[in-house]
N, C-alpha and C. Protein backbone atom coordinates (compact mmCIF):
# COMPACT_ATOMS: atom_id res chain seq x y z
N MET A 1 20.54 -39.59 1.34
CA MET A 1 19.27 -38.96 1.71
C MET A 1 19.29 -38.49 3.16
N VAL A 2 19.91 -39.28 4.03
CA VAL A 2 19.99 -38.90 5.44
C VAL A 2 20.76 -37.60 5.58
N LEU A 3 21.89 -37.50 4.85
CA LEU A 3 22.69 -36.27 4.90
C LEU A 3 21.92 -35.09 4.33
N GLN A 4 21.15 -35.32 3.25
CA GLN A 4 20.36 -34.24 2.67
C GLN A 4 19.28 -33.78 3.64
N ASP A 5 18.62 -34.73 4.29
CA ASP A 5 17.59 -34.37 5.27
C ASP A 5 18.19 -33.59 6.43
N ARG A 6 19.38 -34.02 6.86
CA ARG A 6 20.04 -33.32 7.97
C ARG A 6 20.43 -31.92 7.56
N ALA A 7 20.94 -31.78 6.34
CA ALA A 7 21.32 -30.45 5.85
C ALA A 7 20.10 -29.54 5.73
N LYS A 8 18.99 -30.11 5.24
CA LYS A 8 17.75 -29.33 5.13
C LYS A 8 17.26 -28.89 6.50
N ALA A 9 17.30 -29.80 7.48
CA ALA A 9 16.87 -29.46 8.84
C ALA A 9 17.76 -28.39 9.44
N THR A 10 19.06 -28.47 9.18
CA THR A 10 19.98 -27.46 9.71
C THR A 10 19.71 -26.10 9.08
N ARG A 11 19.47 -26.09 7.76
CA ARG A 11 19.18 -24.83 7.08
C ARG A 11 17.89 -24.20 7.62
N GLU A 12 16.87 -25.03 7.82
CA GLU A 12 15.61 -24.52 8.36
C GLU A 12 15.80 -23.97 9.77
N ALA A 13 16.63 -24.65 10.57
CA ALA A 13 16.89 -24.18 11.93
C ALA A 13 17.62 -22.84 11.91
N ILE A 14 18.55 -22.68 10.97
CA ILE A 14 19.29 -21.42 10.85
C ILE A 14 18.35 -20.29 10.45
N ILE A 15 17.46 -20.54 9.50
CA ILE A 15 16.52 -19.50 9.08
C ILE A 15 15.59 -19.12 10.23
N ALA A 16 15.13 -20.13 10.98
CA ALA A 16 14.27 -19.84 12.13
C ALA A 16 15.02 -19.02 13.19
N GLY A 17 16.28 -19.41 13.44
CA GLY A 17 17.09 -18.66 14.40
C GLY A 17 17.35 -17.25 13.92
N ALA A 18 17.64 -17.11 12.64
CA ALA A 18 17.88 -15.78 12.08
C ALA A 18 16.63 -14.92 12.17
N ALA A 19 15.47 -15.51 11.91
CA ALA A 19 14.21 -14.76 12.00
C ALA A 19 14.02 -14.22 13.42
N ALA A 20 14.28 -15.05 14.42
CA ALA A 20 14.12 -14.61 15.80
C ALA A 20 15.05 -13.45 16.12
N VAL A 21 16.28 -13.54 15.64
CA VAL A 21 17.27 -12.48 15.91
C VAL A 21 16.93 -11.20 15.15
N PHE A 22 16.61 -11.34 13.87
CA PHE A 22 16.29 -10.16 13.07
C PHE A 22 15.03 -9.47 13.58
N GLU A 23 14.05 -10.26 13.98
CA GLU A 23 12.82 -9.65 14.49
C GLU A 23 13.09 -8.83 15.75
N GLU A 24 13.93 -9.35 16.62
CA GLU A 24 14.20 -8.67 17.89
C GLU A 24 15.15 -7.50 17.73
N HIS A 25 16.21 -7.69 16.94
CA HIS A 25 17.29 -6.70 16.90
C HIS A 25 17.35 -5.86 15.62
N GLY A 26 16.66 -6.31 14.56
CA GLY A 26 16.81 -5.64 13.28
C GLY A 26 18.09 -6.07 12.59
N TYR A 27 18.19 -5.72 11.31
CA TYR A 27 19.34 -6.16 10.53
C TYR A 27 20.65 -5.58 11.06
N GLY A 28 20.67 -4.29 11.32
CA GLY A 28 21.92 -3.62 11.69
C GLY A 28 22.53 -4.12 12.98
N ASN A 29 21.70 -4.47 13.96
CA ASN A 29 22.20 -4.88 15.28
C ASN A 29 22.33 -6.39 15.44
N ALA A 30 21.88 -7.14 14.45
CA ALA A 30 21.98 -8.61 14.54
C ALA A 30 23.39 -9.06 14.18
N SER A 31 23.82 -10.15 14.79
CA SER A 31 25.14 -10.71 14.49
C SER A 31 24.99 -12.19 14.16
N LEU A 32 25.95 -12.71 13.41
CA LEU A 32 25.93 -14.12 13.07
C LEU A 32 26.14 -15.00 14.29
N THR A 33 26.85 -14.48 15.28
CA THR A 33 27.01 -15.23 16.53
C THR A 33 25.66 -15.40 17.21
N GLN A 34 24.85 -14.35 17.25
CA GLN A 34 23.52 -14.46 17.82
C GLN A 34 22.67 -15.46 17.06
N VAL A 35 22.79 -15.46 15.73
CA VAL A 35 22.02 -16.39 14.91
C VAL A 35 22.43 -17.83 15.19
N SER A 36 23.73 -18.08 15.24
CA SER A 36 24.18 -19.46 15.49
C SER A 36 23.74 -19.94 16.86
N GLN A 37 23.72 -19.03 17.83
CA GLN A 37 23.26 -19.41 19.18
C GLN A 37 21.76 -19.68 19.18
N ALA A 38 20.99 -18.83 18.51
CA ALA A 38 19.54 -19.01 18.46
C ALA A 38 19.17 -20.29 17.72
N ALA A 39 19.93 -20.61 16.67
CA ALA A 39 19.66 -21.81 15.87
C ALA A 39 20.26 -23.07 16.47
N LYS A 40 21.13 -22.89 17.49
CA LYS A 40 21.81 -24.01 18.12
C LYS A 40 22.65 -24.80 17.12
N VAL A 41 23.40 -24.06 16.29
CA VAL A 41 24.32 -24.68 15.34
C VAL A 41 25.68 -24.00 15.49
N THR A 42 26.70 -24.65 14.98
CA THR A 42 28.03 -24.07 15.02
C THR A 42 28.16 -22.97 13.96
N LYS A 43 29.18 -22.13 14.15
CA LYS A 43 29.44 -21.12 13.13
C LYS A 43 29.78 -21.77 11.80
N GLY A 44 30.49 -22.90 11.85
CA GLY A 44 30.84 -23.60 10.62
C GLY A 44 29.62 -24.07 9.86
N ALA A 45 28.64 -24.61 10.59
CA ALA A 45 27.40 -25.05 9.95
C ALA A 45 26.66 -23.87 9.34
N LEU A 46 26.67 -22.75 10.04
CA LEU A 46 26.00 -21.56 9.53
C LEU A 46 26.65 -21.10 8.22
N TYR A 47 27.98 -21.01 8.23
CA TYR A 47 28.68 -20.53 7.03
C TYR A 47 28.62 -21.54 5.88
N PHE A 48 28.38 -22.82 6.20
CA PHE A 48 28.21 -23.80 5.13
C PHE A 48 26.98 -23.47 4.29
N HIS A 49 25.92 -22.95 4.95
CA HIS A 49 24.66 -22.66 4.26
C HIS A 49 24.55 -21.20 3.82
N PHE A 50 25.14 -20.29 4.57
CA PHE A 50 24.99 -18.85 4.28
C PHE A 50 26.34 -18.17 4.47
N GLN A 51 26.76 -17.44 3.46
CA GLN A 51 28.09 -16.84 3.49
C GLN A 51 28.13 -15.51 4.22
N SER A 52 26.98 -14.89 4.44
CA SER A 52 26.97 -13.56 5.04
C SER A 52 25.64 -13.29 5.72
N LYS A 53 25.61 -12.23 6.52
CA LYS A 53 24.37 -11.79 7.14
C LYS A 53 23.35 -11.37 6.07
N GLU A 54 23.84 -10.79 4.98
CA GLU A 54 22.94 -10.40 3.88
C GLU A 54 22.26 -11.61 3.28
N ASP A 55 23.02 -12.70 3.07
CA ASP A 55 22.42 -13.93 2.54
C ASP A 55 21.33 -14.45 3.47
N LEU A 56 21.60 -14.37 4.75
CA LEU A 56 20.62 -14.83 5.75
C LEU A 56 19.35 -13.98 5.69
N ALA A 57 19.54 -12.68 5.62
CA ALA A 57 18.39 -11.78 5.57
C ALA A 57 17.53 -12.07 4.35
N ARG A 58 18.17 -12.26 3.22
CA ARG A 58 17.42 -12.55 2.00
C ARG A 58 16.70 -13.90 2.10
N ALA A 59 17.32 -14.86 2.76
CA ALA A 59 16.68 -16.17 2.93
C ALA A 59 15.45 -16.05 3.82
N VAL A 60 15.51 -15.22 4.85
CA VAL A 60 14.36 -15.02 5.72
C VAL A 60 13.22 -14.35 4.94
N ILE A 61 13.55 -13.35 4.14
CA ILE A 61 12.54 -12.68 3.32
C ILE A 61 11.91 -13.66 2.34
N GLU A 62 12.73 -14.48 1.70
CA GLU A 62 12.21 -15.47 0.76
C GLU A 62 11.29 -16.48 1.45
N GLU A 63 11.66 -16.90 2.66
CA GLU A 63 10.83 -17.85 3.39
C GLU A 63 9.51 -17.19 3.82
N GLN A 64 9.57 -15.95 4.25
CA GLN A 64 8.36 -15.21 4.60
C GLN A 64 7.43 -15.13 3.39
N HIS A 65 8.01 -14.80 2.24
CA HIS A 65 7.21 -14.67 1.02
C HIS A 65 6.61 -16.01 0.63
N ARG A 66 7.38 -17.09 0.78
CA ARG A 66 6.88 -18.43 0.44
C ARG A 66 5.69 -18.79 1.33
N ILE A 67 5.79 -18.51 2.61
CA ILE A 67 4.71 -18.84 3.55
C ILE A 67 3.44 -18.09 3.18
N VAL A 68 3.56 -16.80 2.92
CA VAL A 68 2.39 -15.98 2.60
C VAL A 68 1.79 -16.40 1.26
N LEU A 69 2.65 -16.69 0.26
CA LEU A 69 2.15 -17.13 -1.03
C LEU A 69 1.39 -18.45 -0.92
N ALA A 70 1.93 -19.38 -0.15
CA ALA A 70 1.28 -20.67 0.01
C ALA A 70 -0.09 -20.51 0.65
N GLU A 71 -0.18 -19.64 1.65
CA GLU A 71 -1.47 -19.39 2.30
C GLU A 71 -2.45 -18.76 1.31
N GLY A 72 -1.95 -17.83 0.52
CA GLY A 72 -2.80 -17.18 -0.47
C GLY A 72 -3.30 -18.16 -1.52
N GLN A 73 -2.43 -19.06 -1.98
CA GLN A 73 -2.83 -20.05 -2.97
C GLN A 73 -3.90 -20.98 -2.41
N ALA A 74 -3.79 -21.33 -1.14
CA ALA A 74 -4.80 -22.19 -0.51
C ALA A 74 -6.16 -21.50 -0.46
N ILE A 75 -6.16 -20.21 -0.18
CA ILE A 75 -7.42 -19.46 -0.16
C ILE A 75 -7.99 -19.32 -1.56
N LEU A 76 -7.15 -19.05 -2.54
CA LEU A 76 -7.61 -18.95 -3.93
C LEU A 76 -8.24 -20.26 -4.40
N ALA A 77 -7.70 -21.36 -3.95
CA ALA A 77 -8.20 -22.68 -4.39
C ALA A 77 -9.61 -22.96 -3.89
N GLU A 78 -10.09 -22.19 -2.90
CA GLU A 78 -11.43 -22.40 -2.36
C GLU A 78 -12.51 -21.78 -3.24
N SER A 79 -12.11 -21.00 -4.26
CA SER A 79 -13.02 -20.48 -5.29
C SER A 79 -14.19 -19.69 -4.71
N ARG A 80 -13.89 -18.81 -3.79
CA ARG A 80 -14.91 -17.89 -3.28
C ARG A 80 -15.01 -16.66 -4.18
N PRO A 81 -16.02 -15.82 -3.99
CA PRO A 81 -16.05 -14.55 -4.72
C PRO A 81 -14.76 -13.76 -4.47
N ALA A 82 -14.34 -13.01 -5.48
CA ALA A 82 -13.03 -12.36 -5.43
C ALA A 82 -12.90 -11.38 -4.27
N LEU A 83 -13.95 -10.59 -4.01
CA LEU A 83 -13.86 -9.62 -2.91
C LEU A 83 -13.70 -10.33 -1.57
N THR A 84 -14.46 -11.39 -1.38
CA THR A 84 -14.31 -12.19 -0.16
C THR A 84 -12.90 -12.77 -0.06
N THR A 85 -12.37 -13.23 -1.18
CA THR A 85 -11.01 -13.79 -1.20
C THR A 85 -9.98 -12.75 -0.79
N MET A 86 -10.13 -11.52 -1.27
CA MET A 86 -9.21 -10.45 -0.90
C MET A 86 -9.21 -10.22 0.61
N ILE A 87 -10.41 -10.20 1.19
CA ILE A 87 -10.53 -9.98 2.63
C ILE A 87 -9.90 -11.14 3.40
N LEU A 88 -10.17 -12.37 2.95
CA LEU A 88 -9.63 -13.53 3.65
C LEU A 88 -8.11 -13.62 3.51
N MET A 89 -7.56 -13.16 2.39
CA MET A 89 -6.11 -13.15 2.25
C MET A 89 -5.48 -12.15 3.22
N CYS A 90 -6.12 -11.02 3.42
CA CYS A 90 -5.62 -10.07 4.43
C CYS A 90 -5.73 -10.67 5.82
N ARG A 91 -6.82 -11.39 6.09
CA ARG A 91 -6.98 -12.07 7.38
C ARG A 91 -5.85 -13.07 7.61
N ALA A 92 -5.58 -13.87 6.58
CA ALA A 92 -4.53 -14.89 6.71
C ALA A 92 -3.17 -14.25 6.95
N PHE A 93 -2.89 -13.16 6.25
CA PHE A 93 -1.61 -12.47 6.43
C PHE A 93 -1.51 -11.94 7.87
N GLY A 94 -2.60 -11.37 8.38
CA GLY A 94 -2.59 -10.87 9.74
C GLY A 94 -2.33 -11.97 10.75
N LEU A 95 -2.96 -13.13 10.56
CA LEU A 95 -2.74 -14.25 11.48
C LEU A 95 -1.30 -14.75 11.41
N LYS A 96 -0.71 -14.74 10.21
CA LYS A 96 0.69 -15.14 10.09
C LYS A 96 1.60 -14.15 10.84
N LEU A 97 1.26 -12.87 10.80
CA LEU A 97 2.05 -11.89 11.54
C LEU A 97 2.00 -12.16 13.04
N ILE A 98 0.86 -12.65 13.51
CA ILE A 98 0.73 -12.94 14.93
C ILE A 98 1.48 -14.22 15.31
N HIS A 99 1.38 -15.25 14.48
CA HIS A 99 1.83 -16.58 14.88
C HIS A 99 3.16 -17.03 14.28
N GLU A 100 3.65 -16.35 13.24
CA GLU A 100 4.85 -16.83 12.54
C GLU A 100 6.01 -15.84 12.69
N PRO A 101 7.02 -16.16 13.52
CA PRO A 101 8.17 -15.26 13.66
C PRO A 101 8.88 -14.97 12.34
N VAL A 102 8.92 -15.96 11.43
CA VAL A 102 9.58 -15.75 10.14
C VAL A 102 8.87 -14.67 9.35
N VAL A 103 7.55 -14.65 9.41
CA VAL A 103 6.78 -13.63 8.68
C VAL A 103 7.04 -12.25 9.28
N ARG A 104 7.02 -12.16 10.60
CA ARG A 104 7.30 -10.86 11.24
C ARG A 104 8.70 -10.37 10.91
N ALA A 105 9.66 -11.28 10.96
CA ALA A 105 11.04 -10.89 10.65
C ALA A 105 11.19 -10.50 9.19
N GLY A 106 10.55 -11.26 8.30
CA GLY A 106 10.64 -10.94 6.88
C GLY A 106 10.08 -9.57 6.57
N ILE A 107 8.96 -9.22 7.20
CA ILE A 107 8.37 -7.90 6.99
C ILE A 107 9.30 -6.81 7.50
N ARG A 108 9.88 -7.02 8.67
CA ARG A 108 10.82 -6.02 9.18
C ARG A 108 12.01 -5.87 8.24
N LEU A 109 12.50 -6.96 7.73
CA LEU A 109 13.68 -6.90 6.85
C LEU A 109 13.38 -6.23 5.52
N THR A 110 12.17 -6.42 4.99
CA THR A 110 11.85 -5.73 3.73
C THR A 110 11.88 -4.22 3.92
N LEU A 111 11.55 -3.77 5.12
CA LEU A 111 11.56 -2.33 5.40
C LEU A 111 12.97 -1.83 5.69
N GLU A 112 13.88 -2.73 6.03
CA GLU A 112 15.26 -2.36 6.33
C GLU A 112 16.21 -2.74 5.20
N ALA A 113 15.67 -3.15 4.06
CA ALA A 113 16.49 -3.77 3.01
C ALA A 113 17.56 -2.85 2.45
N THR A 114 17.36 -1.54 2.52
CA THR A 114 18.40 -0.63 2.01
C THR A 114 19.69 -0.76 2.81
N ALA A 115 19.61 -1.35 4.00
CA ALA A 115 20.82 -1.54 4.80
C ALA A 115 21.70 -2.66 4.25
N PHE A 116 21.13 -3.54 3.43
CA PHE A 116 21.96 -4.64 2.91
C PHE A 116 21.78 -4.83 1.41
N GLY A 117 21.47 -3.75 0.71
CA GLY A 117 21.38 -3.85 -0.74
C GLY A 117 20.21 -3.04 -1.27
N GLN A 118 19.73 -3.46 -2.43
CA GLN A 118 18.61 -2.77 -3.05
C GLN A 118 17.31 -3.06 -2.30
N PRO A 119 16.36 -2.11 -2.36
CA PRO A 119 15.06 -2.37 -1.73
C PRO A 119 14.42 -3.64 -2.27
N VAL A 120 13.70 -4.35 -1.40
CA VAL A 120 13.05 -5.60 -1.77
C VAL A 120 11.68 -5.27 -2.35
N ARG A 121 11.53 -5.42 -3.66
CA ARG A 121 10.31 -5.05 -4.35
C ARG A 121 9.40 -6.25 -4.63
N GLY A 122 10.01 -7.43 -4.82
CA GLY A 122 9.27 -8.58 -5.30
C GLY A 122 8.02 -8.93 -4.51
N PRO A 123 8.10 -9.10 -3.18
CA PRO A 123 6.90 -9.46 -2.43
C PRO A 123 5.76 -8.46 -2.58
N TYR A 124 6.11 -7.17 -2.58
CA TYR A 124 5.07 -6.15 -2.74
C TYR A 124 4.48 -6.20 -4.14
N GLU A 125 5.33 -6.35 -5.14
CA GLU A 125 4.83 -6.41 -6.52
C GLU A 125 3.93 -7.62 -6.74
N ASP A 126 4.32 -8.77 -6.16
CA ASP A 126 3.51 -9.97 -6.30
C ASP A 126 2.15 -9.79 -5.64
N TRP A 127 2.14 -9.18 -4.45
CA TRP A 127 0.89 -9.01 -3.71
C TRP A 127 -0.02 -8.00 -4.43
N ILE A 128 0.56 -6.92 -4.93
CA ILE A 128 -0.23 -5.94 -5.69
C ILE A 128 -0.81 -6.58 -6.94
N ASP A 129 -0.01 -7.38 -7.62
CA ASP A 129 -0.48 -8.05 -8.83
C ASP A 129 -1.64 -8.99 -8.52
N ALA A 130 -1.51 -9.79 -7.44
CA ALA A 130 -2.57 -10.72 -7.06
C ALA A 130 -3.85 -9.97 -6.70
N MET A 131 -3.71 -8.92 -5.92
CA MET A 131 -4.88 -8.14 -5.52
C MET A 131 -5.50 -7.41 -6.73
N GLY A 132 -4.68 -7.00 -7.67
CA GLY A 132 -5.19 -6.37 -8.88
C GLY A 132 -6.06 -7.32 -9.69
N HIS A 133 -5.60 -8.56 -9.85
CA HIS A 133 -6.38 -9.56 -10.58
C HIS A 133 -7.70 -9.84 -9.86
N LEU A 134 -7.64 -9.93 -8.52
CA LEU A 134 -8.86 -10.19 -7.76
C LEU A 134 -9.82 -9.01 -7.83
N ALA A 135 -9.28 -7.81 -7.77
CA ALA A 135 -10.13 -6.62 -7.86
C ALA A 135 -10.83 -6.56 -9.22
N GLU A 136 -10.11 -6.91 -10.28
CA GLU A 136 -10.73 -6.94 -11.61
C GLU A 136 -11.83 -7.99 -11.67
N GLN A 137 -11.56 -9.13 -11.06
CA GLN A 137 -12.58 -10.19 -11.03
C GLN A 137 -13.80 -9.73 -10.23
N ALA A 138 -13.56 -9.03 -9.12
CA ALA A 138 -14.67 -8.53 -8.30
C ALA A 138 -15.50 -7.50 -9.05
N ARG A 139 -14.86 -6.72 -9.91
CA ARG A 139 -15.60 -5.79 -10.78
C ARG A 139 -16.51 -6.56 -11.74
N GLU A 140 -15.97 -7.64 -12.32
CA GLU A 140 -16.76 -8.46 -13.25
C GLU A 140 -17.92 -9.15 -12.53
N GLU A 141 -17.71 -9.50 -11.26
CA GLU A 141 -18.77 -10.13 -10.47
C GLU A 141 -19.78 -9.11 -9.93
N LYS A 142 -19.53 -7.82 -10.22
CA LYS A 142 -20.36 -6.72 -9.75
C LYS A 142 -20.44 -6.65 -8.22
N HIS A 143 -19.29 -6.93 -7.61
CA HIS A 143 -19.14 -6.73 -6.16
C HIS A 143 -18.37 -5.46 -5.87
N ILE A 144 -17.56 -5.00 -6.83
CA ILE A 144 -16.85 -3.72 -6.74
C ILE A 144 -17.36 -2.82 -7.86
N ARG A 145 -17.49 -1.55 -7.58
CA ARG A 145 -17.98 -0.58 -8.56
C ARG A 145 -17.10 -0.58 -9.81
N SER A 146 -17.72 -0.38 -10.95
CA SER A 146 -16.97 -0.30 -12.20
C SER A 146 -16.08 0.94 -12.24
N SER A 147 -16.41 1.95 -11.44
CA SER A 147 -15.60 3.17 -11.41
C SER A 147 -14.29 2.99 -10.65
N VAL A 148 -14.15 1.88 -9.92
CA VAL A 148 -12.93 1.61 -9.15
C VAL A 148 -11.92 0.95 -10.09
N THR A 149 -10.77 1.58 -10.27
CA THR A 149 -9.71 1.01 -11.10
C THR A 149 -9.01 -0.10 -10.32
N ALA A 150 -9.01 -1.30 -10.87
CA ALA A 150 -8.50 -2.46 -10.14
C ALA A 150 -7.05 -2.28 -9.72
N ALA A 151 -6.19 -1.84 -10.63
CA ALA A 151 -4.76 -1.70 -10.32
C ALA A 151 -4.54 -0.64 -9.25
N ALA A 152 -5.26 0.47 -9.35
CA ALA A 152 -5.11 1.54 -8.36
C ALA A 152 -5.58 1.08 -6.99
N PHE A 153 -6.72 0.35 -6.96
CA PHE A 153 -7.21 -0.14 -5.67
C PHE A 153 -6.23 -1.15 -5.07
N ALA A 154 -5.65 -2.00 -5.90
CA ALA A 154 -4.68 -2.98 -5.40
C ALA A 154 -3.49 -2.29 -4.75
N ARG A 155 -2.97 -1.25 -5.41
CA ARG A 155 -1.84 -0.51 -4.83
C ARG A 155 -2.24 0.13 -3.50
N TYR A 156 -3.42 0.72 -3.48
CA TYR A 156 -3.89 1.38 -2.27
C TYR A 156 -4.12 0.38 -1.14
N LEU A 157 -4.70 -0.78 -1.47
CA LEU A 157 -4.97 -1.79 -0.46
C LEU A 157 -3.68 -2.31 0.17
N VAL A 158 -2.69 -2.63 -0.67
CA VAL A 158 -1.42 -3.14 -0.14
C VAL A 158 -0.72 -2.07 0.71
N ALA A 159 -0.76 -0.83 0.25
CA ALA A 159 -0.16 0.26 1.04
C ALA A 159 -0.89 0.43 2.36
N SER A 160 -2.22 0.35 2.33
CA SER A 160 -3.02 0.51 3.55
C SER A 160 -2.74 -0.62 4.53
N PHE A 161 -2.74 -1.86 4.03
CA PHE A 161 -2.48 -3.01 4.90
C PHE A 161 -1.09 -2.90 5.52
N THR A 162 -0.11 -2.54 4.71
CA THR A 162 1.27 -2.40 5.21
C THR A 162 1.33 -1.36 6.31
N GLY A 163 0.70 -0.23 6.09
CA GLY A 163 0.70 0.82 7.10
C GLY A 163 -0.02 0.41 8.36
N VAL A 164 -1.17 -0.24 8.21
CA VAL A 164 -1.96 -0.67 9.37
C VAL A 164 -1.17 -1.63 10.25
N GLN A 165 -0.54 -2.63 9.62
CA GLN A 165 0.18 -3.61 10.45
C GLN A 165 1.44 -3.01 11.05
N MET A 166 2.08 -2.07 10.34
CA MET A 166 3.26 -1.42 10.90
C MET A 166 2.91 -0.59 12.12
N VAL A 167 1.85 0.21 12.02
CA VAL A 167 1.45 1.05 13.16
C VAL A 167 1.00 0.18 14.33
N SER A 168 0.28 -0.90 14.03
CA SER A 168 -0.10 -1.84 15.08
C SER A 168 1.13 -2.42 15.76
N GLY A 169 2.15 -2.76 14.96
CA GLY A 169 3.39 -3.29 15.53
C GLY A 169 4.07 -2.29 16.45
N ILE A 170 4.07 -1.02 16.05
CA ILE A 170 4.72 0.01 16.85
C ILE A 170 3.95 0.30 18.13
N LEU A 171 2.63 0.40 18.01
CA LEU A 171 1.83 0.84 19.15
C LEU A 171 1.48 -0.28 20.12
N THR A 172 1.22 -1.49 19.61
CA THR A 172 0.74 -2.57 20.48
C THR A 172 1.47 -3.88 20.29
N ASP A 173 2.59 -3.86 19.58
CA ASP A 173 3.31 -5.10 19.26
C ASP A 173 2.39 -6.07 18.53
N ARG A 174 1.49 -5.51 17.70
CA ARG A 174 0.52 -6.22 16.86
C ARG A 174 -0.54 -6.98 17.66
N ARG A 175 -0.73 -6.63 18.92
CA ARG A 175 -1.79 -7.29 19.68
C ARG A 175 -3.17 -6.95 19.12
N ASP A 176 -3.31 -5.78 18.49
CA ASP A 176 -4.60 -5.40 17.94
C ASP A 176 -4.63 -5.45 16.41
N VAL A 177 -3.70 -6.18 15.81
CA VAL A 177 -3.57 -6.10 14.35
C VAL A 177 -4.83 -6.60 13.63
N MET A 178 -5.49 -7.63 14.13
CA MET A 178 -6.69 -8.13 13.45
C MET A 178 -7.82 -7.10 13.55
N GLN A 179 -7.94 -6.47 14.69
CA GLN A 179 -8.95 -5.42 14.84
C GLN A 179 -8.68 -4.26 13.89
N ARG A 180 -7.41 -3.90 13.74
CA ARG A 180 -7.07 -2.79 12.86
C ARG A 180 -7.29 -3.14 11.38
N ILE A 181 -7.04 -4.40 11.00
CA ILE A 181 -7.29 -4.83 9.62
C ILE A 181 -8.79 -4.82 9.34
N GLU A 182 -9.57 -5.30 10.30
CA GLU A 182 -11.02 -5.26 10.14
C GLU A 182 -11.52 -3.83 10.01
N GLU A 183 -10.97 -2.95 10.82
CA GLU A 183 -11.33 -1.54 10.76
C GLU A 183 -10.99 -0.95 9.38
N MET A 184 -9.84 -1.32 8.84
CA MET A 184 -9.44 -0.85 7.51
C MET A 184 -10.49 -1.24 6.48
N TRP A 185 -10.90 -2.50 6.48
CA TRP A 185 -11.89 -2.96 5.51
C TRP A 185 -13.26 -2.32 5.73
N SER A 186 -13.62 -2.09 6.99
CA SER A 186 -14.92 -1.47 7.26
C SER A 186 -14.97 -0.06 6.71
N ILE A 187 -13.83 0.60 6.60
CA ILE A 187 -13.76 1.94 6.01
C ILE A 187 -13.71 1.87 4.48
N LEU A 188 -12.98 0.90 3.94
CA LEU A 188 -12.82 0.79 2.49
C LEU A 188 -14.09 0.31 1.78
N LEU A 189 -14.75 -0.68 2.35
CA LEU A 189 -15.82 -1.37 1.62
C LEU A 189 -16.98 -0.47 1.20
N PRO A 190 -17.51 0.38 2.07
CA PRO A 190 -18.65 1.21 1.63
C PRO A 190 -18.33 2.07 0.41
N GLY A 191 -17.09 2.43 0.22
CA GLY A 191 -16.71 3.28 -0.90
C GLY A 191 -16.45 2.54 -2.20
N ILE A 192 -16.28 1.23 -2.15
CA ILE A 192 -15.93 0.47 -3.36
C ILE A 192 -16.99 -0.53 -3.79
N MET A 193 -17.92 -0.89 -2.89
CA MET A 193 -18.86 -1.95 -3.21
C MET A 193 -19.88 -1.50 -4.25
N HIS A 194 -20.19 -2.40 -5.17
CA HIS A 194 -21.17 -2.13 -6.22
C HIS A 194 -22.55 -1.90 -5.60
N GLU A 195 -23.29 -0.98 -6.17
CA GLU A 195 -24.60 -0.62 -5.61
C GLU A 195 -25.60 -1.77 -5.66
N ASP A 196 -25.37 -2.74 -6.54
CA ASP A 196 -26.29 -3.88 -6.63
C ASP A 196 -25.88 -5.06 -5.72
N TYR A 197 -24.73 -4.94 -5.10
CA TYR A 197 -24.26 -6.02 -4.23
C TYR A 197 -24.92 -5.86 -2.87
N GLN A 198 -25.68 -6.87 -2.47
CA GLN A 198 -26.54 -6.75 -1.30
C GLN A 198 -25.84 -7.07 0.03
N GLU A 199 -24.60 -7.54 -0.03
CA GLU A 199 -23.91 -7.93 1.20
C GLU A 199 -23.68 -6.71 2.09
N ASP A 200 -23.82 -6.90 3.40
CA ASP A 200 -23.54 -5.85 4.37
C ASP A 200 -22.03 -5.66 4.47
N PRO A 201 -21.52 -4.45 4.22
CA PRO A 201 -20.07 -4.24 4.28
C PRO A 201 -19.47 -4.55 5.65
N MET A 202 -20.23 -4.29 6.72
CA MET A 202 -19.70 -4.59 8.05
C MET A 202 -19.59 -6.10 8.28
N ALA A 203 -20.52 -6.84 7.68
CA ALA A 203 -20.44 -8.30 7.79
C ALA A 203 -19.25 -8.83 7.02
N LEU A 204 -18.96 -8.25 5.86
CA LEU A 204 -17.79 -8.65 5.10
C LEU A 204 -16.51 -8.33 5.87
N ALA A 205 -16.45 -7.12 6.41
CA ALA A 205 -15.25 -6.74 7.17
C ALA A 205 -15.05 -7.66 8.37
N ALA A 206 -16.16 -8.14 8.96
CA ALA A 206 -16.07 -8.99 10.14
C ALA A 206 -15.48 -10.35 9.84
N LEU A 207 -15.31 -10.70 8.55
CA LEU A 207 -14.62 -11.95 8.21
C LEU A 207 -13.20 -11.96 8.77
N ILE A 208 -12.63 -10.76 8.94
CA ILE A 208 -11.26 -10.67 9.47
C ILE A 208 -11.17 -11.29 10.86
N SER A 209 -12.18 -11.06 11.68
CA SER A 209 -12.12 -11.55 13.07
C SER A 209 -12.89 -12.85 13.27
N ALA A 210 -13.40 -13.43 12.18
CA ALA A 210 -14.17 -14.67 12.29
C ALA A 210 -13.28 -15.80 12.77
N GLU A 211 -13.84 -16.70 13.54
CA GLU A 211 -13.09 -17.88 14.02
C GLU A 211 -12.94 -18.89 12.90
């Protein structure tokens, strides 16, 4: 058990080190030497867990996806209205981008994935699927207009969020990412909210910046 715990800790340290390197340098300019130095492990220890830079990149993406999924599951477990849940899931993702280097690195790597294989579709497909189910539930709760197609809105929302955080990353190193996500929702909500839903769309959008 001690050896297993040590191996697990070493693997986690390597993934964290790889995330720091990939986030700063991107996949093409990152080296395994940089990763071993950032993780404070030997090259031998690194190769024991990962055979290539591609394996490392995929491990970082998988860890990023695991973190975001776990956060999403925790929000779903709170059983709020579906539209509120969608907004809070975007809030949580934004906060992870600010505070979690693995999440930032994983997002960068998904955009660079053609450099080390096939495009990474899974995280996007999972997120679109989750948002589609929530959008359908929000329609049933009469918080989203019946004229809004749940699957189409889910695709649009994920594309919008991805673009918003990318542009924020380019322009401000994501210093304004929460403000930009709130702005996105403040534009989207008036066009999708059911006419009988009495909630103020600006108040809903402000959940993004709530403490």
